[in-house]
Amino acid sequence: MAPTYWDAETEEAFKKLYVDTYAEVPLAGFDGVKPGLRFGWDKALADEFPGETWEEVEDDLRRTWKETHKNHGSWQDMKKHVRRGWEKAKQNWKDLASRSKRK
């Protein structure tokens, strides 16, 4: 099983971002996009992609999503959420990524 770097503090920060960003357009609600955000976050912090950019890993992430997470939605529907999670982790958003790696 792959390690997870997602924790309660990370989830709350993304939930606030979701509410602030999509206040008028609830889409599937936060719980509907959370699997994509979490997948992107965890993959960005995992040792398998230490210095790669989104463009370098997108195909690998798409394949993995389709193999392991398809019950959470299609890649096409979730890609933007996976990418947002990935990019926020790579930017060490709110210092959450470095705290998650230390745990």
Protein backbone atom coordinates (compact mmCIF):
# COMPACT_ATOMS: atom_id res chain seq x y z
CA MET A 1 0.00 0.00 0.00
CA ALA A 2 1.29 3.44 -0.96
CA PRO A 3 2.06 5.85 1.85
CA THR A 4 -0.35 8.70 2.44
CA TYR A 5 0.74 12.22 3.23
CA TRP A 6 -2.83 13.52 3.44
CA ASP A 7 -3.90 14.35 6.97
CA ALA A 8 -6.74 16.21 8.70
CA GLU A 9 -4.97 19.57 8.46
CA THR A 10 -4.35 19.11 4.74
CA GLU A 11 -7.98 18.11 4.21
CA GLU A 12 -9.27 21.19 6.05
CA ALA A 13 -7.04 23.49 3.98
CA PHE A 14 -8.29 21.95 0.73
CA LYS A 15 -11.88 22.06 1.94
CA LYS A 16 -11.52 25.80 2.58
CA LEU A 17 -9.90 26.28 -0.83
CA TYR A 18 -12.75 24.35 -2.41
CA VAL A 19 -15.41 26.46 -0.69
CA ASP A 20 -13.58 29.69 -1.57
CA THR A 21 -13.07 28.64 -5.20
CA TYR A 22 -16.35 26.93 -6.01
CA ALA A 23 -18.81 28.69 -3.73
CA GLU A 24 -21.30 29.31 -6.54
CA VAL A 25 -20.74 26.00 -8.36
CA PRO A 26 -20.87 23.13 -5.88
CA LEU A 27 -20.06 20.47 -8.53
CA ALA A 28 -20.11 17.16 -6.67
CA GLY A 29 -19.25 18.83 -3.37
CA PHE A 30 -15.90 18.57 -1.67
CA ASP A 31 -16.30 14.85 -1.05
CA GLY A 32 -16.67 14.36 -4.79
CA VAL A 33 -13.34 16.01 -5.62
CA LYS A 34 -11.40 14.96 -2.52
CA PRO A 35 -10.18 11.64 -4.00
CA GLY A 36 -8.52 13.53 -6.87
CA LEU A 37 -6.95 16.13 -4.61
CA ARG A 38 -5.67 13.47 -2.25
CA PHE A 39 -4.32 11.28 -5.06
CA GLY A 40 -2.40 14.22 -6.56
CA TRP A 41 -1.12 15.33 -3.16
CA ASP A 42 0.11 11.89 -2.17
CA LYS A 43 1.72 11.19 -5.56
CA ALA A 44 3.54 14.52 -5.54
CA LEU A 45 5.05 13.76 -2.15
CA ALA A 46 5.85 10.11 -2.83
CA ASP A 47 9.42 9.10 -3.52
CA GLU A 48 8.54 7.72 -6.98
CA PHE A 49 8.32 11.23 -8.54
CA PRO A 50 10.89 13.31 -6.64
CA GLY A 51 11.65 16.08 -9.13
CA GLU A 52 9.25 15.60 -11.99
CA THR A 53 6.80 18.18 -13.24
CA TRP A 54 3.10 17.60 -13.87
CA GLU A 55 3.75 17.33 -17.59
CA GLU A 56 6.31 14.58 -17.00
CA VAL A 57 4.03 12.46 -14.78
CA GLU A 58 0.54 13.08 -16.13
CA ASP A 59 0.47 9.92 -18.28
CA ASP A 60 1.68 7.76 -15.37
CA LEU A 61 -0.87 9.30 -13.02
CA ARG A 62 -3.66 8.81 -15.55
CA ARG A 63 -2.78 5.12 -15.90
CA THR A 64 -2.59 4.64 -12.14
CA TRP A 65 -5.88 6.50 -11.62
CA LYS A 66 -7.62 4.31 -14.17
CA GLU A 67 -6.22 1.16 -12.53
CA THR A 68 -6.85 2.04 -8.90
CA HIS A 69 -9.32 4.92 -8.57
CA LYS A 70 -11.78 4.65 -11.44
CA ASN A 71 -14.62 4.10 -8.96
CA HIS A 72 -14.05 7.73 -7.83
CA GLY A 73 -14.69 9.16 -11.29
CA SER A 74 -13.19 9.24 -14.73
CA TRP A 75 -9.73 10.68 -15.30
CA GLN A 76 -11.27 13.36 -17.48
CA ASP A 77 -13.54 14.49 -14.63
CA MET A 78 -10.86 14.29 -11.94
CA LYS A 79 -7.72 15.38 -13.77
CA LYS A 80 -7.99 19.05 -12.74
CA HIS A 81 -8.39 18.07 -9.10
CA VAL A 82 -5.46 15.64 -9.24
CA ARG A 83 -3.37 18.37 -10.82
CA ARG A 84 -4.40 20.90 -8.18
CA GLY A 85 -3.39 18.48 -5.40
CA TRP A 86 -0.10 17.74 -7.18
CA GLU A 87 0.78 21.38 -7.71
CA LYS A 88 -0.13 22.47 -4.19
CA ALA A 89 2.10 19.73 -2.74
CA LYS A 90 4.99 20.67 -5.03
CA GLN A 91 4.62 24.31 -3.97
CA ASN A 92 4.60 23.24 -0.30
CA TRP A 93 1.29 25.06 0.05
CA LYS A 94 0.79 26.50 3.54
CA ASP A 95 3.85 24.48 4.67
CA LEU A 96 1.58 21.41 4.74
CA ALA A 97 3.68 19.30 2.38
CA SER A 98 6.88 19.51 4.43
CA ARG A 99 4.96 18.80 7.64
CA SER A 100 3.31 15.79 6.03
CA LYS A 101 6.67 14.40 4.87
CA ARG A 102 8.09 14.59 8.40
CA LYS A 103 5.36 12.42 9.92
